[in-house]
Structures are given as C-alpha cells and as structure tokens.
C-alpha cells in the first residue's frame, strides 16, 4: 500500500486537526477543526477510514474513553499523534516549504 513514510493531502490535514485539538481529538471535533480551519467538510466515512489508516501507519494512537454511561453506552475514541506522526507532519511541512521557495514572483506575492 504505497509509501507509508509520506502523508497524502487529506491525511496531513487530519493530522494537523488532531494536533490542533491538543488531547480532545475525536471524530466530531476533528471534523469541526477541519471545517473551521480549511473550509472543507468531509464525510464521516472518509474521516474514519483516514484515521484508521493513520493508526495503521503508526502516526496516530487511539484510546476509548472510560465513561460508557455518558453517551448511552457508546464510548468515544480519542486520537493522539505518535512521535512518528509528528515527525511525518514536520517532514511534510519542510517538503512544502522547499516547494514554495522561490515562487513569490510567479504567484504575485
């Protein structure tokens, strides 16, 4: 399944949303963060498939909340970046920085 050392565009956006949530990252809050910061809405299915893939790549860890009673027996799954996930985000930022470098004139900025 491709190069697990690189993040796709949507994977990167999800990782950034998780990082922004600082410990309060579960499906709804991640989707809200994506919408608020990027103006991009996403389906629950696409988000959860991406979260699972990021876990499989070792970029996210997840845990189920302890309190089942709070949501009628359904527990929330919280996500947190792993050190490898943080490193992958930093690598993606550096690669994009290098790609943007020198394009100010072409972009009119």
PDB file of N, CA and C in Angstrom:
ATOM      1  N   UNK A   1       0.824  -1.195   0.000  1.00  0.00           N
ATOM      2  CA  UNK A   1       0.000   0.000   0.000  1.00  0.00           C
ATOM      3  C   UNK A   1       0.861   1.247   0.000  1.00  0.00           C
ATOM      4  N   UNK A   2       1.561   1.564  -0.998  1.00  0.00           N
ATOM      5  CA  UNK A   2       2.276   2.824  -1.142  1.00  0.00           C
ATOM      6  C   UNK A   2       3.349   3.064  -0.119  1.00  0.00           C
ATOM      7  N   UNK A   3       3.839   4.288  -0.100  1.00  0.00           N
ATOM      8  CA  UNK A   3       4.900   4.711   0.793  1.00  0.00           C
ATOM      9  C   UNK A   3       4.286   5.178   2.108  1.00  0.00           C
ATOM     10  N   UNK A   4       4.467   4.408   3.169  1.00  0.00           N
ATOM     11  CA  UNK A   4       3.883   4.779   4.451  1.00  0.00           C
ATOM     12  C   UNK A   4       4.649   5.903   5.121  1.00  0.00           C
ATOM     13  N   UNK A   5       5.768   6.343   4.550  1.00  0.00           N
ATOM     14  CA  UNK A   5       6.548   7.419   5.128  1.00  0.00           C
ATOM     15  C   UNK A   5       6.066   8.796   4.726  1.00  0.00           C
ATOM     16  N   UNK A   6       5.099   8.886   3.859  1.00  0.00           N
ATOM     17  CA  UNK A   6       4.602  10.180   3.388  1.00  0.00           C
ATOM     18  C   UNK A   6       3.120  10.308   3.696  1.00  0.00           C
ATOM     19  N   UNK A   7       2.709  11.547   3.875  1.00  0.00           N
ATOM     20  CA  UNK A   7       1.306  11.825   4.137  1.00  0.00           C
ATOM     21  C   UNK A   7       0.653  12.400   2.889  1.00  0.00           C
ATOM     22  N   UNK A   8      -0.511  11.885   2.545  1.00  0.00           N
ATOM     23  CA  UNK A   8      -1.303  12.492   1.486  1.00  0.00           C
ATOM     24  C   UNK A   8      -1.905  13.792   1.996  1.00  0.00           C
ATOM     25  N   UNK A   9      -2.482  14.571   1.083  1.00  0.00           N
ATOM     26  CA  UNK A   9      -3.033  15.880   1.462  1.00  0.00           C
ATOM     27  C   UNK A   9      -4.077  15.766   2.562  1.00  0.00           C
ATOM     28  N   UNK A  10      -5.057  14.889   2.397  1.00  0.00           N
ATOM     29  CA  UNK A  10      -6.109  14.779   3.405  1.00  0.00           C
ATOM     30  C   UNK A  10      -5.555  14.191   4.700  1.00  0.00           C
ATOM     31  N   UNK A  11      -4.650  13.232   4.597  1.00  0.00           N
ATOM     32  CA  UNK A  11      -4.020  12.686   5.800  1.00  0.00           C
ATOM     33  C   UNK A  11      -3.320  13.791   6.584  1.00  0.00           C
ATOM     34  N   UNK A  12      -2.607  14.650   5.875  1.00  0.00           N
ATOM     35  CA  UNK A  12      -1.907  15.749   6.534  1.00  0.00           C
ATOM     36  C   UNK A  12      -2.906  16.683   7.212  1.00  0.00           C
ATOM     37  N   UNK A  13      -3.994  17.008   6.539  1.00  0.00           N
ATOM     38  CA  UNK A  13      -4.992  17.878   7.141  1.00  0.00           C
ATOM     39  C   UNK A  13      -5.598  17.256   8.398  1.00  0.00           C
ATOM     40  N   UNK A  14      -5.836  15.964   8.370  1.00  0.00           N
ATOM     41  CA  UNK A  14      -6.376  15.272   9.549  1.00  0.00           C
ATOM     42  C   UNK A  14      -5.347  15.301  10.678  1.00  0.00           C
ATOM     43  N   UNK A  15      -4.090  15.031  10.354  1.00  0.00           N
ATOM     44  CA  UNK A  15      -3.046  15.082  11.382  1.00  0.00           C
ATOM     45  C   UNK A  15      -2.969  16.475  12.002  1.00  0.00           C
ATOM     46  N   UNK A  16      -3.041  17.506  11.178  1.00  0.00           N
ATOM     47  CA  UNK A  16      -2.987  18.878  11.694  1.00  0.00           C
ATOM     48  C   UNK A  16      -4.196  19.173  12.583  1.00  0.00           C
ATOM     49  N   UNK A  17      -5.359  18.698  12.200  1.00  0.00           N
ATOM     50  CA  UNK A  17      -6.554  18.896  13.031  1.00  0.00           C
ATOM     51  C   UNK A  17      -6.390  18.202  14.379  1.00  0.00           C
ATOM     52  N   UNK A  18      -5.854  16.989  14.378  1.00  0.00           N
ATOM     53  CA  UNK A  18      -5.610  16.271  15.633  1.00  0.00           C
ATOM     54  C   UNK A  18      -4.630  17.057  16.499  1.00  0.00           C
ATOM     55  N   UNK A  19      -3.569  17.553  15.904  1.00  0.00           N
ATOM     56  CA  UNK A  19      -2.592  18.343  16.663  1.00  0.00           C
ATOM     57  C   UNK A  19      -3.237  19.602  17.248  1.00  0.00           C
ATOM     58  N   UNK A  20      -4.070  20.269  16.479  1.00  0.00           N
ATOM     59  CA  UNK A  20      -4.740  21.475  16.970  1.00  0.00           C
ATOM     60  C   UNK A  20      -5.672  21.183  18.141  1.00  0.00           C
ATOM     61  N   UNK A  21      -6.272  20.014  18.178  1.00  0.00           N
ATOM     62  CA  UNK A  21      -7.228  19.668  19.235  1.00  0.00           C
ATOM     63  C   UNK A  21      -6.552  19.402  20.575  1.00  0.00           C
ATOM     64  N   UNK A  22      -5.266  19.160  20.597  1.00  0.00           N
ATOM     65  CA  UNK A  22      -4.483  19.021  21.833  1.00  0.00           C
ATOM     66  C   UNK A  22      -5.158  18.146  22.896  1.00  0.00           C
ATOM     67  N   UNK A  23      -5.370  16.883  22.557  1.00  0.00           N
ATOM     68  CA  UNK A  23      -5.899  15.936  23.533  1.00  0.00           C
ATOM     69  C   UNK A  23      -7.405  15.761  23.488  1.00  0.00           C
ATOM     70  N   UNK A  24      -8.104  16.580  22.752  1.00  0.00           N
ATOM     71  CA  UNK A  24      -9.557  16.481  22.651  1.00  0.00           C
ATOM     72  C   UNK A  24      -9.950  16.157  21.212  1.00  0.00           C
ATOM     73  N   UNK A  25      -9.257  15.190  20.621  1.00  0.00           N
ATOM     74  CA  UNK A  25      -9.478  14.862  19.214  1.00  0.00           C
ATOM     75  C   UNK A  25     -10.256  13.555  19.087  1.00  0.00           C
ATOM     76  N   UNK A  26     -11.515  13.678  18.736  1.00  0.00           N
ATOM     77  CA  UNK A  26     -12.324  12.526  18.361  1.00  0.00           C
ATOM     78  C   UNK A  26     -13.071  12.911  17.099  1.00  0.00           C
ATOM     79  N   UNK A  27     -13.777  12.000  16.503  1.00  0.00           N
ATOM     80  CA  UNK A  27     -14.342  12.214  15.182  1.00  0.00           C
ATOM     81  C   UNK A  27     -14.997  13.563  14.958  1.00  0.00           C
ATOM     82  N   UNK A  28     -15.943  13.933  15.806  1.00  0.00           N
ATOM     83  CA  UNK A  28     -16.681  15.180  15.614  1.00  0.00           C
ATOM     84  C   UNK A  28     -15.769  16.391  15.756  1.00  0.00           C
ATOM     85  N   UNK A  29     -14.905  16.402  16.764  1.00  0.00           N
ATOM     86  CA  UNK A  29     -14.033  17.576  16.955  1.00  0.00           C
ATOM     87  C   UNK A  29     -13.006  17.694  15.832  1.00  0.00           C
ATOM     88  N   UNK A  30     -12.557  16.560  15.316  1.00  0.00           N
ATOM     89  CA  UNK A  30     -11.614  16.593  14.189  1.00  0.00           C
ATOM     90  C   UNK A  30     -12.309  17.153  12.952  1.00  0.00           C
ATOM     91  N   UNK A  31     -13.517  16.676  12.675  1.00  0.00           N
ATOM     92  CA  UNK A  31     -14.282  17.185  11.525  1.00  0.00           C
ATOM     93  C   UNK A  31     -14.560  18.676  11.683  1.00  0.00           C
ATOM     94  N   UNK A  32     -14.912  19.107  12.884  1.00  0.00           N
ATOM     95  CA  UNK A  32     -15.163  20.529  13.139  1.00  0.00           C
ATOM     96  C   UNK A  32     -13.899  21.359  12.918  1.00  0.00           C
ATOM     97  N   UNK A  33     -12.771  20.844  13.366  1.00  0.00           N
ATOM     98  CA  UNK A  33     -11.491  21.550  13.195  1.00  0.00           C
ATOM     99  C   UNK A  33     -11.146  21.681  11.715  1.00  0.00           C
ATOM    100  N   UNK A  34     -11.342  20.611  10.964  1.00  0.00           N
ATOM    101  CA  UNK A  34     -11.100  20.649   9.524  1.00  0.00           C
ATOM    102  C   UNK A  34     -11.976  21.712   8.855  1.00  0.00           C
ATOM    103  N   UNK A  35     -13.248  21.726   9.191  1.00  0.00           N
ATOM    104  CA  UNK A  35     -14.178  22.679   8.583  1.00  0.00           C
ATOM    105  C   UNK A  35     -13.832  24.114   8.965  1.00  0.00           C
ATOM    106  N   UNK A  36     -13.520  24.332  10.233  1.00  0.00           N
ATOM    107  CA  UNK A  36     -13.234  25.686  10.711  1.00  0.00           C
ATOM    108  C   UNK A  36     -11.950  26.249  10.104  1.00  0.00           C
ATOM    109  N   UNK A  37     -10.931  25.441  10.005  1.00  0.00           N
ATOM    110  CA  UNK A  37      -9.627  25.939   9.558  1.00  0.00           C
ATOM    111  C   UNK A  37      -9.450  25.907   8.048  1.00  0.00           C
ATOM    112  N   UNK A  38     -10.103  24.971   7.375  1.00  0.00           N
ATOM    113  CA  UNK A  38      -9.872  24.843   5.929  1.00  0.00           C
ATOM    114  C   UNK A  38     -11.106  25.155   5.089  1.00  0.00           C
ATOM    115  N   UNK A  39     -12.254  25.223   5.741  1.00  0.00           N
ATOM    116  CA  UNK A  39     -13.489  25.407   4.987  1.00  0.00           C
ATOM    117  C   UNK A  39     -13.923  24.134   4.282  1.00  0.00           C
ATOM    118  N   UNK A  40     -13.264  23.056   4.603  1.00  0.00           N
ATOM    119  CA  UNK A  40     -13.520  21.771   3.926  1.00  0.00           C
ATOM    120  C   UNK A  40     -14.364  20.876   4.828  1.00  0.00           C
ATOM    121  N   UNK A  41     -15.490  20.414   4.298  1.00  0.00           N
ATOM    122  CA  UNK A  41     -16.289  19.443   5.039  1.00  0.00           C
ATOM    123  C   UNK A  41     -15.937  18.056   4.523  1.00  0.00           C
ATOM    124  N   UNK A  42     -16.143  17.084   5.358  1.00  0.00           N
ATOM    125  CA  UNK A  42     -15.813  15.712   4.969  1.00  0.00           C
ATOM    126  C   UNK A  42     -16.866  14.769   5.506  1.00  0.00           C
ATOM    127  N   UNK A  43     -17.025  13.666   4.830  1.00  0.00           N
ATOM    128  CA  UNK A  43     -17.974  12.662   5.308  1.00  0.00           C
ATOM    129  C   UNK A  43     -17.356  11.920   6.486  1.00  0.00           C
ATOM    130  N   UNK A  44     -18.216  11.407   7.344  1.00  0.00           N
ATOM    131  CA  UNK A  44     -17.720  10.621   8.476  1.00  0.00           C
ATOM    132  C   UNK A  44     -16.929   9.412   7.990  1.00  0.00           C
ATOM    133  N   UNK A  45     -17.430   8.789   6.936  1.00  0.00           N
ATOM    134  CA  UNK A  45     -16.757   7.605   6.409  1.00  0.00           C
ATOM    135  C   UNK A  45     -15.341   7.903   5.970  1.00  0.00           C
ATOM    136  N   UNK A  46     -15.165   8.980   5.202  1.00  0.00           N
ATOM    137  CA  UNK A  46     -13.821   9.348   4.736  1.00  0.00           C
ATOM    138  C   UNK A  46     -12.914   9.672   5.911  1.00  0.00           C
ATOM    139  N   UNK A  47     -13.446  10.364   6.916  1.00  0.00           N
ATOM    140  CA  UNK A  47     -12.637  10.718   8.074  1.00  0.00           C
ATOM    141  C   UNK A  47     -12.203   9.474   8.838  1.00  0.00           C
ATOM    142  N   UNK A  48     -13.130   8.567   9.119  1.00  0.00           N
ATOM    143  CA  UNK A  48     -12.781   7.387   9.914  1.00  0.00           C
ATOM    144  C   UNK A  48     -11.871   6.423   9.166  1.00  0.00           C
ATOM    145  N   UNK A  49     -12.032   6.318   7.862  1.00  0.00           N
ATOM    146  CA  UNK A  49     -11.107   5.494   7.070  1.00  0.00           C
ATOM    147  C   UNK A  49      -9.693   6.084   7.163  1.00  0.00           C
ATOM    148  N   UNK A  50      -9.612   7.402   7.081  1.00  0.00           N
ATOM    149  CA  UNK A  50      -8.305   8.070   7.157  1.00  0.00           C
ATOM    150  C   UNK A  50      -7.699   7.921   8.547  1.00  0.00           C
ATOM    151  N   UNK A  51      -8.498   8.078   9.599  1.00  0.00           N
ATOM    152  CA  UNK A  51      -7.986   7.891  10.960  1.00  0.00           C
ATOM    153  C   UNK A  51      -7.455   6.469  11.154  1.00  0.00           C
ATOM    154  N   UNK A  52      -8.186   5.494  10.646  1.00  0.00           N
ATOM    155  CA  UNK A  52      -7.735   4.096  10.756  1.00  0.00           C
ATOM    156  C   UNK A  52      -6.427   3.890  10.000  1.00  0.00           C
ATOM    157  N   UNK A  53      -6.327   4.452   8.805  1.00  0.00           N
ATOM    158  CA  UNK A  53      -5.109   4.314   8.013  1.00  0.00           C
ATOM    159  C   UNK A  53      -3.921   4.979   8.722  1.00  0.00           C
ATOM    160  N   UNK A  54      -4.150   6.144   9.321  1.00  0.00           N
ATOM    161  CA  UNK A  54      -3.078   6.822  10.041  1.00  0.00           C
ATOM    162  C   UNK A  54      -2.637   6.023  11.268  1.00  0.00           C
ATOM    163  N   UNK A  55      -3.570   5.351  11.903  1.00  0.00           N
ATOM    164  CA  UNK A  55      -3.207   4.448  13.001  1.00  0.00           C
ATOM    165  C   UNK A  55      -2.382   3.279  12.495  1.00  0.00           C
ATOM    166  N   UNK A  56      -2.810   2.694  11.386  1.00  0.00           N
ATOM    167  CA  UNK A  56      -2.089   1.560  10.815  1.00  0.00           C
ATOM    168  C   UNK A  56      -0.679   1.951  10.395  1.00  0.00           C
ATOM    169  N   UNK A  57      -0.492   3.186   9.946  1.00  0.00           N
ATOM    170  CA  UNK A  57       0.836   3.675   9.572  1.00  0.00           C
ATOM    171  C   UNK A  57       1.692   3.983  10.801  1.00  0.00           C
ATOM    172  N   UNK A  58       1.065   4.015  11.967  1.00  0.00           N
ATOM    173  CA  UNK A  58       1.793   4.317  13.195  1.00  0.00           C
ATOM    174  C   UNK A  58       1.886   5.800  13.492  1.00  0.00           C
ATOM    175  N   UNK A  59       1.059   6.620  12.836  1.00  0.00           N
ATOM    176  CA  UNK A  59       1.104   8.068  13.030  1.00  0.00           C
ATOM    177  C   UNK A  59       0.145   8.553  14.104  1.00  0.00           C
ATOM    178  N   UNK A  60      -0.871   7.747  14.422  1.00  0.00           N
ATOM    179  CA  UNK A  60      -1.827   8.072  15.473  1.00  0.00           C
ATOM    180  C   UNK A  60      -1.984   6.895  16.419  1.00  0.00           C
ATOM    181  N   UNK A  61      -2.228   7.215  17.670  1.00  0.00           N
ATOM    182  CA  UNK A  61      -2.686   6.238  18.658  1.00  0.00           C
ATOM    183  C   UNK A  61      -4.115   6.610  18.993  1.00  0.00           C
ATOM    184  N   UNK A  62      -4.895   5.633  19.447  1.00  0.00           N
ATOM    185  CA  UNK A  62      -6.249   5.951  19.878  1.00  0.00           C
ATOM    186  C   UNK A  62      -6.543   5.224  21.181  1.00  0.00           C
ATOM    187  N   UNK A  63      -7.527   5.778  21.876  1.00  0.00           N
ATOM    188  CA  UNK A  63      -7.982   5.158  23.118  1.00  0.00           C
ATOM    189  C   UNK A  63      -9.481   5.404  23.224  1.00  0.00           C
ATOM    190  N   UNK A  64     -10.167   4.467  23.849  1.00  0.00           N
ATOM    191  CA  UNK A  64     -11.593   4.644  24.112  1.00  0.00           C
ATOM    192  C   UNK A  64     -11.762   5.313  25.461  1.00  0.00           C
ATOM    193  N   UNK A  65     -12.702   6.252  25.548  1.00  0.00           N
ATOM    194  CA  UNK A  65     -12.949   6.913  26.826  1.00  0.00           C
ATOM    195  C   UNK A  65     -13.447   5.891  27.835  1.00  0.00           C
ATOM    196  N   UNK A  66     -13.206   6.166  29.081  1.00  0.00           N
ATOM    197  CA  UNK A  66     -13.559   5.229  30.142  1.00  0.00           C
ATOM    198  C   UNK A  66     -15.052   5.248  30.470  1.00  0.00           C
ATOM    199  N   UNK A  67     -15.714   6.378  30.348  1.00  0.00           N
ATOM    200  CA  UNK A  67     -17.094   6.536  30.800  1.00  0.00           C
ATOM    201  C   UNK A  67     -18.092   6.149  29.719  1.00  0.00           C
ATOM    202  N   UNK A  68     -18.629   4.931  29.819  1.00  0.00           N
ATOM    203  CA  UNK A  68     -19.634   4.465  28.859  1.00  0.00           C
ATOM    204  C   UNK A  68     -20.997   5.102  29.105  1.00  0.00           C
ATOM    205  N   UNK A  69     -21.270   5.450  30.346  1.00  0.00           N
ATOM    206  CA  UNK A  69     -22.594   5.952  30.709  1.00  0.00           C
ATOM    207  C   UNK A  69     -22.896   7.316  30.104  1.00  0.00           C
ATOM    208  N   UNK A  70     -21.890   8.109  29.892  1.00  0.00           N
ATOM    209  CA  UNK A  70     -22.094   9.482  29.428  1.00  0.00           C
ATOM    210  C   UNK A  70     -22.803   9.544  28.077  1.00  0.00           C
ATOM    211  N   UNK A  71     -22.645   8.541  27.247  1.00  0.00           N
ATOM    212  CA  UNK A  71     -23.224   8.576  25.893  1.00  0.00           C
ATOM    213  C   UNK A  71     -24.108   7.357  25.634  1.00  0.00           C
ATOM    214  N   UNK A  72     -24.798   6.912  26.641  1.00  0.00           N
ATOM    215  CA  UNK A  72     -25.718   5.793  26.472  1.00  0.00           C
ATOM    216  C   UNK A  72     -25.029   4.498  26.093  1.00  0.00           C
ATOM    217  N   UNK A  73     -23.868   4.260  26.649  1.00  0.00           N
ATOM    218  CA  UNK A  73     -23.149   3.013  26.397  1.00  0.00           C
ATOM    219  C   UNK A  73     -22.158   3.079  25.246  1.00  0.00           C
ATOM    220  N   UNK A  74     -22.160   4.169  24.500  1.00  0.00           N
ATOM    221  CA  UNK A  74     -21.188   4.319  23.400  1.00  0.00           C
ATOM    222  C   UNK A  74     -20.007   5.129  23.907  1.00  0.00           C
ATOM    223  N   UNK A  75     -18.842   4.604  23.660  1.00  0.00           N
ATOM    224  CA  UNK A  75     -17.627   5.297  24.099  1.00  0.00           C
ATOM    225  C   UNK A  75     -16.996   6.024  22.926  1.00  0.00           C
ATOM    226  N   UNK A  76     -16.400   7.176  23.220  1.00  0.00           N
ATOM    227  CA  UNK A  76     -15.679   7.927  22.184  1.00  0.00           C
ATOM    228  C   UNK A  76     -14.277   7.387  22.027  1.00  0.00           C
ATOM    229  N   UNK A  77     -13.791   7.430  20.798  1.00  0.00           N
ATOM    230  CA  UNK A  77     -12.402   7.077  20.515  1.00  0.00           C
ATOM    231  C   UNK A  77     -11.635   8.380  20.317  1.00  0.00           C
ATOM    232  N   UNK A  78     -10.647   8.593  21.177  1.00  0.00           N
ATOM    233  CA  UNK A  78      -9.795   9.781  21.102  1.00  0.00           C
ATOM    234  C   UNK A  78      -8.500   9.437  20.385  1.00  0.00           C
ATOM    235  N   UNK A  79      -7.988  10.393  19.616  1.00  0.00           N
ATOM    236  CA  UNK A  79      -6.782  10.192  18.827  1.00  0.00           C
ATOM    237  C   UNK A  79      -5.694  11.154  19.283  1.00  0.00           C
ATOM    238  N   UNK A  80      -4.460  10.658  19.236  1.00  0.00           N
ATOM    239  CA  UNK A  80      -3.298  11.478  19.577  1.00  0.00           C
ATOM    240  C   UNK A  80      -2.160  11.109  18.629  1.00  0.00           C
ATOM    241  N   UNK A  81      -1.380  12.110  18.227  1.00  0.00           N
ATOM    242  CA  UNK A  81      -0.254  11.810  17.331  1.00  0.00           C
ATOM    243  C   UNK A  81       0.847  11.055  18.062  1.00  0.00           C
ATOM    244  N   UNK A  82       1.474  10.153  17.365  1.00  0.00           N
ATOM    245  CA  UNK A  82       2.660   9.477  17.889  1.00  0.00           C
ATOM    246  C   UNK A  82       3.879  10.318  17.545  1.00  0.00           C
ATOM    247  N   UNK A  83       5.027  10.024  18.147  1.00  0.00           N
ATOM    248  CA  UNK A  83       6.245  10.744  17.735  1.00  0.00           C
ATOM    249  C   UNK A  83       6.509  10.605  16.233  1.00  0.00           C
ATOM    250  N   UNK A  84       6.252   9.419  15.682  1.00  0.00           N
ATOM    251  CA  UNK A  84       6.414   9.228  14.236  1.00  0.00           C
ATOM    252  C   UNK A  84       5.447  10.067  13.429  1.00  0.00           C
ATOM    253  N   UNK A  85       4.237  10.253  13.945  1.00  0.00           N
ATOM    254  CA  UNK A  85       3.258  11.091  13.274  1.00  0.00           C
ATOM    255  C   UNK A  85       3.666  12.555  13.277  1.00  0.00           C
ATOM    256  N   UNK A  86       4.179  13.025  14.409  1.00  0.00           N
ATOM    257  CA  UNK A  86       4.658  14.406  14.496  1.00  0.00           C
ATOM    258  C   UNK A  86       5.820  14.604  13.528  1.00  0.00           C
ATOM    259  N   UNK A  87       6.703  13.627  13.460  1.00  0.00           N
ATOM    260  CA  UNK A  87       7.835  13.693  12.540  1.00  0.00           C
ATOM    261  C   UNK A  87       7.363  13.728  11.081  1.00  0.00           C
ATOM    262  N   UNK A  88       6.359  12.929  10.754  1.00  0.00           N
ATOM    263  CA  UNK A  88       5.828  12.913   9.383  1.00  0.00           C
ATOM    264  C   UNK A  88       5.213  14.262   9.022  1.00  0.00           C
ATOM    265  N   UNK A  89       4.530  14.899   9.975  1.00  0.00           N
ATOM    266  CA  UNK A  89       3.954  16.226   9.728  1.00  0.00           C
ATOM    267  C   UNK A  89       5.069  17.250   9.513  1.00  0.00           C
ATOM    268  N   UNK A  90       6.097  17.188  10.346  1.00  0.00           N
ATOM    269  CA  UNK A  90       7.233  18.113  10.198  1.00  0.00           C
ATOM    270  C   UNK A  90       7.928  17.902   8.849  1.00  0.00           C
ATOM    271  N   UNK A  91       8.085  16.650   8.438  1.00  0.00           N
ATOM    272  CA  UNK A  91       8.700  16.358   7.135  1.00  0.00           C
ATOM    273  C   UNK A  91       7.859  16.922   5.995  1.00  0.00           C
ATOM    274  N   UNK A  92       6.535  16.778   6.102  1.00  0.00           N
ATOM    275  CA  UNK A  92       5.642  17.303   5.066  1.00  0.00           C
ATOM    276  C   UNK A  92       5.725  18.827   5.007  1.00  0.00           C
ATOM    277  N   UNK A  93       5.790  19.466   6.175  1.00  0.00           N
ATOM    278  CA  UNK A  93       5.906  20.929   6.197  1.00  0.00           C
ATOM    279  C   UNK A  93       7.205  21.370   5.533  1.00  0.00           C
ATOM    280  N   UNK A  94       8.291  20.690   5.822  1.00  0.00           N
ATOM    281  CA  UNK A  94       9.589  21.052   5.234  1.00  0.00           C
ATOM    282  C   UNK A  94       9.587  20.827   3.724  1.00  0.00           C
ATOM    283  N   UNK A  95       9.008  19.740   3.268  1.00  0.00           N
ATOM    284  CA  UNK A  95       8.935  19.477   1.823  1.00  0.00           C
ATOM    285  C   UNK A  95       8.122  20.566   1.130  1.00  0.00           C
ATOM    286  N   UNK A  96       7.005  20.966   1.731  1.00  0.00           N
ATOM    287  CA  UNK A  96       6.191  22.030   1.136  1.00  0.00           C
ATOM    288  C   UNK A  96       6.920  23.368   1.176  1.00  0.00           C
ATOM    289  N   UNK A  97       7.648  23.638   2.232  1.00  0.00           N
ATOM    290  CA  UNK A  97       8.418  24.880   2.317  1.00  0.00           C
ATOM    291  C   UNK A  97       9.417  24.954   1.171  1.00  0.00           C
ATOM    292  N   UNK A  98      10.096  23.834   0.909  1.00  0.00           N
ATOM    293  CA  UNK A  98      11.060  23.793  -0.197  1.00  0.00           C
ATOM    294  C   UNK A  98      10.370  23.967  -1.549  1.00  0.00           C
ATOM    295  N   UNK A  99       9.201  23.399  -1.706  1.00  0.00           N
ATOM    296  CA  UNK A  99       8.470  23.523  -2.971  1.00  0.00           C
ATOM    297  C   UNK A  99       7.981  24.959  -3.195  1.00  0.00           C
ATOM    298  N   UNK A 100       7.553  25.646  -2.151  1.00  0.00           N
ATOM    299  CA  UNK A 100       7.071  27.017  -2.270  1.00  0.00           C
ATOM    300  C   UNK A 100       8.210  28.013  -2.473  1.00  0.00           C
ATOM    301  N   UNK A 101       9.392  27.674  -1.998  1.00  0.00           N
ATOM    302  CA  UNK A 101      10.526  28.598  -2.047  1.00  0.00           C
ATOM    303  C   UNK A 101      10.791  29.045  -3.489  1.00  0.00           C
ATOM    304  N   UNK A 102      10.901  30.360  -3.655  1.00  0.00           N
ATOM    305  CA  UNK A 102      11.241  30.915  -4.963  1.00  0.00           C
ATOM    306  C   UNK A 102      10.067  31.156  -5.892  1.00  0.00           C
ATOM    307  N   UNK A 103       8.844  30.976  -5.427  1.00  0.00           N
ATOM    308  CA  UNK A 103       7.680  31.138  -6.301  1.00  0.00           C
ATOM    309  C   UNK A 103       6.902  32.427  -6.049  1.00  0.00           C
ATOM    310  N   UNK A 104       7.438  33.320  -5.248  1.00  0.00           N
ATOM    311  CA  UNK A 104       6.714  34.542  -4.926  1.00  0.00           C
ATOM    312  C   UNK A 104       6.358  35.333  -6.190  1.00  0.00           C
ATOM    313  N   UNK A 105       7.303  35.495  -7.099  1.00  0.00           N
ATOM    314  CA  UNK A 105       7.038  36.281  -8.310  1.00  0.00           C
ATOM    315  C   UNK A 105       5.951  35.622  -9.158  1.00  0.00           C
ATOM    316  N   UNK A 106       6.041  34.323  -9.323  1.00  0.00           N
ATOM    317  CA  UNK A 106       5.053  33.604 -10.144  1.00  0.00           C
ATOM    318  C   UNK A 106       3.642  33.687  -9.542  1.00  0.00           C
ATOM    319  N   UNK A 107       3.596  33.775  -8.232  1.00  0.00           N
ATOM    320  CA  UNK A 107       2.293  33.815  -7.544  1.00  0.00           C
ATOM    321  C   UNK A 107       1.825  35.233  -7.257  1.00  0.00           C
ATOM    322  N   UNK A 108       2.663  36.206  -7.606  1.00  0.00           N
ATOM    323  CA  UNK A 108       2.278  37.596  -7.394  1.00  0.00           C
ATOM    324  C   UNK A 108       2.274  38.019  -5.941  1.00  0.00           C
ATOM    325  N   UNK A 109       3.116  37.374  -5.141  1.00  0.00           N
ATOM    326  CA  UNK A 109       3.189  37.742  -3.727  1.00  0.00           C
ATOM    327  C   UNK A 109       4.530  38.321  -3.371  1.00  0.00           C
TER     328      UNK A 109
END
